[in-house]
PDB file of N, CA and C in Angstrom:
ATOM      1  N   MET A   1    -115.760  89.397  34.683  1.00  0.00           N
ATOM      2  CA  MET A   1    -115.038  87.789  34.542  1.00  0.00           C
ATOM      3  C   MET A   1    -114.565  87.958  33.039  1.00  0.00           C
ATOM      4  N   ASN A   2    -115.551  88.118  31.953  1.00  0.00           N
ATOM      5  CA  ASN A   2    -114.781  88.059  30.816  1.00  0.00           C
ATOM      6  C   ASN A   2    -113.916  88.949  30.040  1.00  0.00           C
ATOM      7  N   GLU A   3    -113.492  90.342  31.155  1.00  0.00           N
ATOM      8  CA  GLU A   3    -112.230  90.547  30.756  1.00  0.00           C
ATOM      9  C   GLU A   3    -110.798  89.570  31.448  1.00  0.00           C
ATOM     10  N   SER A   4    -110.915  88.753  32.049  1.00  0.00           N
ATOM     11  CA  SER A   4    -109.725  88.606  32.470  1.00  0.00           C
ATOM     12  C   SER A   4    -109.525  87.081  31.604  1.00  0.00           C
ATOM     13  N   TYR A   5    -110.675  86.728  30.779  1.00  0.00           N
ATOM     14  CA  TYR A   5    -110.115  85.218  29.987  1.00  0.00           C
ATOM     15  C   TYR A   5    -108.691  85.476  29.105  1.00  0.00           C
ATOM     16  N   GLY A   6    -108.723  86.902  28.402  1.00  0.00           N
ATOM     17  CA  GLY A   6    -107.325  87.480  27.776  1.00  0.00           C
ATOM     18  C   GLY A   6    -106.245  86.845  28.651  1.00  0.00           C
ATOM     19  N   TRP A   7    -105.990  87.871  30.014  1.00  0.00           N
ATOM     20  CA  TRP A   7    -104.739  87.227  30.642  1.00  0.00           C
ATOM     21  C   TRP A   7    -104.978  85.688  30.856  1.00  0.00           C
ATOM     22  N   ILE A   8    -105.998  84.798  31.158  1.00  0.00           N
ATOM     23  CA  ILE A   8    -105.616  83.831  31.782  1.00  0.00           C
ATOM     24  C   ILE A   8    -105.215  82.820  30.499  1.00  0.00           C
ATOM     25  N   GLU A   9    -105.973  83.144  29.198  1.00  0.00           N
ATOM     26  CA  GLU A   9    -105.229  82.522  27.762  1.00  0.00           C
ATOM     27  C   GLU A   9    -103.757  82.714  27.468  1.00  0.00           C
ATOM     28  N   PHE A  10    -103.259  84.214  27.976  1.00  0.00           N
ATOM     29  CA  PHE A  10    -102.004  84.439  27.886  1.00  0.00           C
ATOM     30  C   PHE A  10    -101.311  83.430  29.039  1.00  0.00           C
ATOM     31  N   VAL A  11    -101.501  83.614  30.007  1.00  0.00           N
ATOM     32  CA  VAL A  11    -100.685  83.122  31.057  1.00  0.00           C
ATOM     33  C   VAL A  11    -100.512  81.598  30.747  1.00  0.00           C
ATOM     34  N   ILE A  12    -101.562  80.856  30.224  1.00  0.00           N
ATOM     35  CA  ILE A  12    -101.245  79.505  30.210  1.00  0.00           C
ATOM     36  C   ILE A  12    -101.049  78.923  29.084  1.00  0.00           C
ATOM     37  N   PHE A  13    -100.935  79.437  27.603  1.00  0.00           N
ATOM     38  CA  PHE A  13    -100.718  79.550  26.311  1.00  0.00           C
ATOM     39  C   PHE A  13     -99.471  80.100  25.979  1.00  0.00           C
ATOM     40  N   GLY A  14     -99.207  81.180  26.639  1.00  0.00           N
ATOM     41  CA  GLY A  14     -98.107  81.816  26.549  1.00  0.00           C
ATOM     42  C   GLY A  14     -96.584  81.204  26.581  1.00  0.00           C
ATOM     43  N   PRO A  15     -96.810  80.594  28.132  1.00  0.00           N
ATOM     44  CA  PRO A  15     -95.527  79.935  28.113  1.00  0.00           C
ATOM     45  C   PRO A  15     -95.306  78.722  27.542  1.00  0.00           C
ATOM     46  N   LEU A  16     -96.085  78.059  26.934  1.00  0.00           N
ATOM     47  CA  LEU A  16     -96.697  76.853  26.070  1.00  0.00           C
ATOM     48  C   LEU A  16     -95.688  76.961  24.810  1.00  0.00           C
ATOM     49  N   ILE A  17     -96.571  78.239  23.934  1.00  0.00           N
ATOM     50  CA  ILE A  17     -96.190  78.655  22.830  1.00  0.00           C
ATOM     51  C   ILE A  17     -94.582  79.217  23.029  1.00  0.00           C
ATOM     52  N   LEU A  18     -94.106  79.850  23.937  1.00  0.00           N
ATOM     53  CA  LEU A  18     -92.639  80.133  23.588  1.00  0.00           C
ATOM     54  C   LEU A  18     -92.125  78.845  24.320  1.00  0.00           C
ATOM     55  N   GLY A  19     -92.468  78.067  24.770  1.00  0.00           N
ATOM     56  CA  GLY A  19     -91.288  76.761  25.056  1.00  0.00           C
ATOM     57  C   GLY A  19     -91.128  76.323  23.681  1.00  0.00           C
ATOM     58  N   VAL A  20     -92.571  76.182  22.901  1.00  0.00           N
ATOM     59  CA  VAL A  20     -92.330  75.403  21.526  1.00  0.00           C
ATOM     60  C   VAL A  20     -91.303  75.991  20.781  1.00  0.00           C
ATOM     61  N   LEU A  21     -91.394  77.469  20.658  1.00  0.00           N
ATOM     62  CA  LEU A  21     -90.397  78.191  20.020  1.00  0.00           C
ATOM     63  C   LEU A  21     -89.018  77.739  20.361  1.00  0.00           C
ATOM     64  N   PHE A  22     -88.947  78.217  21.515  1.00  0.00           N
ATOM     65  CA  PHE A  22     -87.341  78.372  21.850  1.00  0.00           C
ATOM     66  C   PHE A  22     -86.917  76.588  21.572  1.00  0.00           C
ATOM     67  N   TRP A  23     -87.702  75.578  21.995  1.00  0.00           N
ATOM     68  CA  TRP A  23     -87.160  74.399  21.749  1.00  0.00           C
ATOM     69  C   TRP A  23     -87.133  73.693  20.285  1.00  0.00           C
ATOM     70  N   GLN A  24     -87.716  74.578  19.141  1.00  0.00           N
ATOM     71  CA  GLN A  24     -87.679  74.380  17.923  1.00  0.00           C
ATOM     72  C   GLN A  24     -86.633  75.483  17.406  1.00  0.00           C
ATOM     73  N   LEU A  25     -85.811  76.514  17.692  1.00  0.00           N
ATOM     74  CA  LEU A  25     -84.955  76.983  17.828  1.00  0.00           C
ATOM     75  C   LEU A  25     -83.393  76.445  18.286  1.00  0.00           C
ATOM     76  N   TRP A  26     -83.531  75.719  19.547  1.00  0.00           N
ATOM     77  CA  TRP A  26     -82.630  74.668  19.821  1.00  0.00           C
ATOM     78  C   TRP A  26     -82.411  73.651  18.809  1.00  0.00           C
ATOM     79  N   SER A  27     -83.449  73.076  18.639  1.00  0.00           N
ATOM     80  CA  SER A  27     -83.314  72.287  17.673  1.00  0.00           C
ATOM     81  C   SER A  27     -82.459  72.468  16.450  1.00  0.00           C
ATOM     82  N   VAL A  28     -83.197  73.278  15.460  1.00  0.00           N
ATOM     83  CA  VAL A  28     -82.702  73.792  14.374  1.00  0.00           C
ATOM     84  C   VAL A  28     -81.349  74.224  14.303  1.00  0.00           C
ATOM     85  N   ASN A  29     -80.845  74.997  15.365  1.00  0.00           N
ATOM     86  CA  ASN A  29     -79.179  75.502  15.551  1.00  0.00           C
ATOM     87  C   ASN A  29     -78.511  73.907  15.468  1.00  0.00           C
ATOM     88  N   ARG A  30     -79.089  73.338  16.394  1.00  0.00           N
ATOM     89  CA  ARG A  30     -77.625  71.836  16.825  1.00  0.00           C
ATOM     90  C   ARG A  30     -77.902  71.383  15.486  1.00  0.00           C
ATOM     91  N   GLU A  31     -78.866  71.091  14.554  1.00  0.00           N
ATOM     92  CA  GLU A  31     -78.978  70.563  13.258  1.00  0.00           C
ATOM     93  C   GLU A  31     -77.902  71.426  12.373  1.00  0.00           C
ATOM     94  N   ILE A  32     -78.241  72.783  12.284  1.00  0.00           N
ATOM     95  CA  ILE A  32     -77.110  73.274  11.176  1.00  0.00           C
ATOM     96  C   ILE A  32     -75.442  72.985  12.051  1.00  0.00           C
ATOM     97  N   LYS A  33     -75.261  72.806  13.128  1.00  0.00           N
ATOM     98  CA  LYS A  33     -74.165  72.570  13.485  1.00  0.00           C
ATOM     99  C   LYS A  33     -73.789  71.307  13.402  1.00  0.00           C
ATOM    100  N   ALA A  34     -74.340  70.328  13.206  1.00  0.00           N
ATOM    101  CA  ALA A  34     -73.854  69.039  12.786  1.00  0.00           C
ATOM    102  C   ALA A  34     -73.612  68.815  11.269  1.00  0.00           C
ATOM    103  N   ASP A  35     -74.466  69.445  10.474  1.00  0.00           N
ATOM    104  CA  ASP A  35     -74.366  69.549   9.132  1.00  0.00           C
ATOM    105  C   ASP A  35     -72.642  70.335   8.801  1.00  0.00           C
ATOM    106  N   ARG A  36     -72.569  71.380   9.420  1.00  0.00           N
ATOM    107  CA  ARG A  36     -71.634  72.483   9.159  1.00  0.00           C
ATOM    108  C   ARG A  36     -70.538  71.276   9.359  1.00  0.00           C
ATOM    109  N   ALA A  37     -70.467  70.593  10.655  1.00  0.00           N
ATOM    110  CA  ALA A  37     -69.394  69.646  10.843  1.00  0.00           C
ATOM    111  C   ALA A  37     -69.349  68.556  10.426  1.00  0.00           C
ATOM    112  N   ARG A  38     -70.289  67.676   9.799  1.00  0.00           N
ATOM    113  CA  ARG A  38     -70.078  66.910   8.773  1.00  0.00           C
ATOM    114  C   ARG A  38     -69.488  67.285   7.438  1.00  0.00           C
ATOM    115  N   ARG A  39     -70.519  68.241   6.775  1.00  0.00           N
ATOM    116  CA  ARG A  39     -69.683  69.149   5.526  1.00  0.00           C
ATOM    117  C   ARG A  39     -67.938  69.213   5.872  1.00  0.00           C
ATOM    118  N   ALA A  40     -68.013  70.106   6.997  1.00  0.00           N
ATOM    119  CA  ALA A  40     -66.169  69.906   7.179  1.00  0.00           C
ATOM    120  C   ALA A  40     -65.558  68.627   6.907  1.00  0.00           C
ATOM    121  N   ALA A  41     -66.193  67.811   7.666  1.00  0.00           N
ATOM    122  CA  ALA A  41     -65.220  66.459   7.624  1.00  0.00           C
ATOM    123  C   ALA A  41     -65.156  65.387   6.156  1.00  0.00           C
ATOM    124  N   GLU A  42     -66.468  65.806   5.122  1.00  0.00           N
ATOM    125  CA  GLU A  42     -66.132  65.465   4.078  1.00  0.00           C
ATOM    126  C   GLU A  42     -65.186  66.102   3.152  1.00  0.00           C
ATOM    127  N   GLU A  43     -65.256  67.860   3.263  1.00  0.00           N
ATOM    128  CA  GLU A  43     -64.462  68.249   2.614  1.00  0.00           C
ATOM    129  C   GLU A  43     -63.136  67.863   2.863  1.00  0.00           C
ATOM    130  N   ALA A  44     -62.754  67.877   4.162  1.00  0.00           N
ATOM    131  CA  ALA A  44     -61.355  67.718   4.661  1.00  0.00           C
ATOM    132  C   ALA A  44     -61.356  66.257   4.284  1.00  0.00           C
ATOM    133  N   ALA A  45     -61.785  65.177   4.188  1.00  0.00           N
ATOM    134  CA  ALA A  45     -61.569  63.915   3.629  1.00  0.00           C
ATOM    135  C   ALA A  45     -61.172  63.857   2.022  1.00  0.00           C
ATOM    136  N   ALA A  46     -61.768  64.659   1.468  1.00  0.00           N
ATOM    137  CA  ALA A  46     -62.253  64.678  -0.200  1.00  0.00           C
ATOM    138  C   ALA A  46     -61.146  65.470  -0.371  1.00  0.00           C
ATOM    139  N   ALA A  47     -60.254  66.331   0.282  1.00  0.00           N
ATOM    140  CA  ALA A  47     -58.930  67.324  -0.186  1.00  0.00           C
ATOM    141  C   ALA A  47     -57.604  66.446  -0.408  1.00  0.00           C
ATOM    142  N   PRO A  48     -57.552  66.460  -1.758  1.00  0.00           N
ATOM    143  CA  PRO A  48     -55.894  65.968  -1.868  1.00  0.00           C
ATOM    144  C   PRO A  48     -55.092  66.170  -1.121  1.00  0.00           C
ATOM    145  N   PRO A  49     -53.920  65.307  -0.938  1.00  0.00           N
ATOM    146  CA  PRO A  49     -53.012  65.517   0.368  1.00  0.00           C
ATOM    147  C   PRO A  49     -52.158  66.469  -0.825  1.00  0.00           C
ATOM    148  N   PRO A  50     -51.255  67.322   0.145  1.00  0.00           N
ATOM    149  CA  PRO A  50     -50.380  68.249  -0.810  1.00  0.00           C
ATOM    150  C   PRO A  50     -49.240  67.664  -1.642  1.00  0.00           C
ATOM    151  N   SER A  51     -48.996  67.865  -2.558  1.00  0.00           N
ATOM    152  CA  SER A  51     -48.053  66.998  -3.433  1.00  0.00           C
ATOM    153  C   SER A  51     -46.691  67.604  -3.343  1.00  0.00           C
ATOM    154  N   SER A  52     -46.060  68.448  -2.761  1.00  0.00           N
ATOM    155  CA  SER A  52     -44.762  68.843  -1.829  1.00  0.00           C
ATOM    156  C   SER A  52     -44.550  69.578  -0.818  1.00  0.00           C
ATOM    157  N   PRO A  53     -43.277  69.373  -0.270  1.00  0.00           N
ATOM    158  CA  PRO A  53     -43.709  69.913   0.980  1.00  0.00           C
ATOM    159  C   PRO A  53     -43.642  71.379   0.997  1.00  0.00           C
ATOM    160  N   PRO A  54     -44.023  72.682   2.170  1.00  0.00           N
ATOM    161  CA  PRO A  54     -43.491  73.805   1.542  1.00  0.00           C
ATOM    162  C   PRO A  54     -42.293  74.284   1.436  1.00  0.00           C
ATOM    163  N   LEU A  55     -42.241  75.363   0.664  1.00  0.00           N
ATOM    164  CA  LEU A  55     -40.843  75.768   0.310  1.00  0.00           C
ATOM    165  C   LEU A  55     -40.141  76.578   1.801  1.00  0.00           C
ATOM    166  N   SER A  56     -38.808  76.539   1.954  1.00  0.00           N
ATOM    167  CA  SER A  56     -38.298  77.420   3.230  1.00  0.00           C
ATOM    168  C   SER A  56     -38.089  78.453   2.911  1.00  0.00           C
ATOM    169  N   ALA A  57     -38.120  79.323   3.638  1.00  0.00           N
ATOM    170  CA  ALA A  57     -37.624  81.215   3.670  1.00  0.00           C
ATOM    171  C   ALA A  57     -36.543  81.151   2.742  1.00  0.00           C
ATOM    172  N   GLY A  58     -35.183  80.459   2.329  1.00  0.00           N
ATOM    173  CA  GLY A  58     -34.209  80.454   2.124  1.00  0.00           C
ATOM    174  C   GLY A  58     -34.433  80.284   0.692  1.00  0.00           C
ATOM    175  N   SER A  59     -35.031  79.041   0.207  1.00  0.00           N
ATOM    176  CA  SER A  59     -34.656  78.511  -1.056  1.00  0.00           C
ATOM    177  C   SER A  59     -35.662  79.401  -1.798  1.00  0.00           C
ATOM    178  N   ALA A  60     -35.076  79.069  -3.540  1.00  0.00           N
ATOM    179  CA  ALA A  60     -35.266  80.079  -4.675  1.00  0.00           C
ATOM    180  C   ALA A  60     -36.526  79.722  -5.199  1.00  0.00           C
ATOM    181  N   GLY A  61     -37.253  78.625  -4.819  1.00  0.00           N
ATOM    182  CA  GLY A  61     -38.726  78.601  -5.332  1.00  0.00           C
ATOM    183  C   GLY A  61     -38.823  77.835  -6.089  1.00  0.00           C
ATOM    184  N   PRO A  62     -40.021  77.657  -6.827  1.00  0.00           N
ATOM    185  CA  PRO A  62     -40.059  77.213  -8.121  1.00  0.00           C
ATOM    186  C   PRO A  62     -40.050  78.188  -9.745  1.00  0.00           C
ATOM    187  N   ALA A  63     -39.928  77.698 -10.806  1.00  0.00           N
ATOM    188  CA  ALA A  63     -39.599  78.539 -11.722  1.00  0.00           C
ATOM    189  C   ALA A  63     -40.233  79.660 -12.152  1.00  0.00           C
ATOM    190  N   GLY A  64     -41.707  79.890 -11.657  1.00  0.00           N
ATOM    191  CA  GLY A  64     -42.267  81.328 -11.726  1.00  0.00           C
ATOM    192  C   GLY A  64     -43.173  80.613 -13.363  1.00  0.00           C
ATOM    193  N   HIS A  65     -43.055  80.170 -14.013  1.00  0.00           N
ATOM    194  CA  HIS A  65     -43.860  80.654 -15.364  1.00  0.00           C
ATOM    195  C   HIS A  65     -44.654  79.171 -15.666  1.00  0.00           C
ATOM    196  N   ALA A  66     -45.522  79.266 -16.355  1.00  0.00           N
ATOM    197  CA  ALA A  66     -46.063  77.856 -16.487  1.00  0.00           C
ATOM    198  C   ALA A  66     -45.262  77.190 -17.614  1.00  0.00           C
ATOM    199  N   GLU A  67     -45.756  75.935 -17.313  1.00  0.00           N
ATOM    200  CA  GLU A  67     -44.507  74.845 -18.317  1.00  0.00           C
ATOM    201  C   GLU A  67     -45.260  75.233 -20.053  1.00  0.00           C
ATOM    202  N   GLY A  68     -44.243  74.843 -20.938  1.00  0.00           N
ATOM    203  CA  GLY A  68     -44.437  74.742 -22.132  1.00  0.00           C
ATOM    204  C   GLY A  68     -44.649  76.814 -22.589  1.00  0.00           C
ATOM    205  N   GLN A  69     -44.536  77.406 -21.657  1.00  0.00           N
ATOM    206  CA  GLN A  69     -44.169  78.784 -21.837  1.00  0.00           C
ATOM    207  C   GLN A  69     -43.141  79.243 -22.985  1.00  0.00           C
ATOM    208  N   HIS A  70     -42.304  78.396 -23.031  1.00  0.00           N
ATOM    209  CA  HIS A  70     -40.853  78.418 -23.948  1.00  0.00           C
ATOM    210  C   HIS A  70     -41.095  77.465 -25.281  1.00  0.00           C
ATOM    211  N   PRO A  71     -40.768  77.850 -26.484  1.00  0.00           N
ATOM    212  CA  PRO A  71     -41.043  76.797 -27.338  1.00  0.00           C
ATOM    213  C   PRO A  71     -39.757  76.036 -27.262  1.00  0.00           C
ATOM    214  N   LEU A  72     -40.129  74.886 -28.191  1.00  0.00           N
ATOM    215  CA  LEU A  72     -39.203  73.664 -28.182  1.00  0.00           C
ATOM    216  C   LEU A  72     -37.816  74.105 -28.440  1.00  0.00           C
ATOM    217  N   ASP A  73     -37.246  74.906 -29.183  1.00  0.00           N
ATOM    218  CA  ASP A  73     -36.123  75.371 -29.663  1.00  0.00           C
ATOM    219  C   ASP A  73     -35.038  76.055 -28.539  1.00  0.00           C
ATOM    220  N   GLY A  74     -35.827  75.600 -27.122  1.00  0.00           N
ATOM    221  CA  GLY A  74     -34.775  76.541 -25.741  1.00  0.00           C
ATOM    222  C   GLY A  74     -34.734  77.633 -26.172  1.00  0.00           C
ATOM    223  N   GLY A  75     -35.711  78.611 -26.891  1.00  0.00           N
ATOM    224  CA  GLY A  75     -35.910  80.114 -26.988  1.00  0.00           C
ATOM    225  C   GLY A  75     -34.640  80.613 -27.862  1.00  0.00           C
ATOM    226  N   ARG A  76     -34.012  79.721 -28.446  1.00  0.00           N
ATOM    227  CA  ARG A  76     -33.234  80.286 -29.776  1.00  0.00           C
ATOM    228  C   ARG A  76     -33.805  81.282 -30.845  1.00  0.00           C
ATOM    229  N   HIS A  77     -34.923  80.789 -30.935  1.00  0.00           N
ATOM    230  CA  HIS A  77     -36.095  81.112 -32.247  1.00  0.00           C
ATOM    231  C   HIS A  77     -35.693  80.930 -33.521  1.00  0.00           C
ATOM    232  N   GLU A  78     -34.808  79.606 -33.698  1.00  0.00           N
ATOM    233  CA  GLU A  78     -34.470  79.122 -34.739  1.00  0.00           C
ATOM    234  C   GLU A  78     -35.648  78.580 -35.851  1.00  0.00           C
ATOM    235  N   PRO A  79     -35.541  78.615 -36.818  1.00  0.00           N
ATOM    236  CA  PRO A  79     -36.724  78.158 -37.788  1.00  0.00           C
ATOM    237  C   PRO A  79     -36.657  76.607 -37.761  1.00  0.00           C
ATOM    238  N   GLY A  80     -37.898  76.206 -37.816  1.00  0.00           N
ATOM    239  CA  GLY A  80     -37.558  74.733 -37.494  1.00  0.00           C
ATOM    240  C   GLY A  80     -37.658  73.581 -38.882  1.00  0.00           C
ATOM    241  N   GLN A  81     -36.755  72.586 -38.780  1.00  0.00           N
ATOM    242  CA  GLN A  81     -36.611  72.154 -39.699  1.00  0.00           C
ATOM    243  C   GLN A  81     -37.121  70.830 -40.853  1.00  0.00           C
TER     244      GLN A  81
END
């Protein structure tokens, strides 16, 4: 009879332990999904709206250089007065 106590404990407590394990796994995964959804909603609310509409395929587009790249004399390289 002493040899069967291990099997009895396994049969009684094994499913209980596995049940708690899977319940914790399910609960943590659910919280992770909720946190991700909450973070995505906060980032979407905090994102600034676009300042200009996207350019169409046929448009020339922006100038292509940073503002202030050229000197104030309009690129003529004249000495200042």
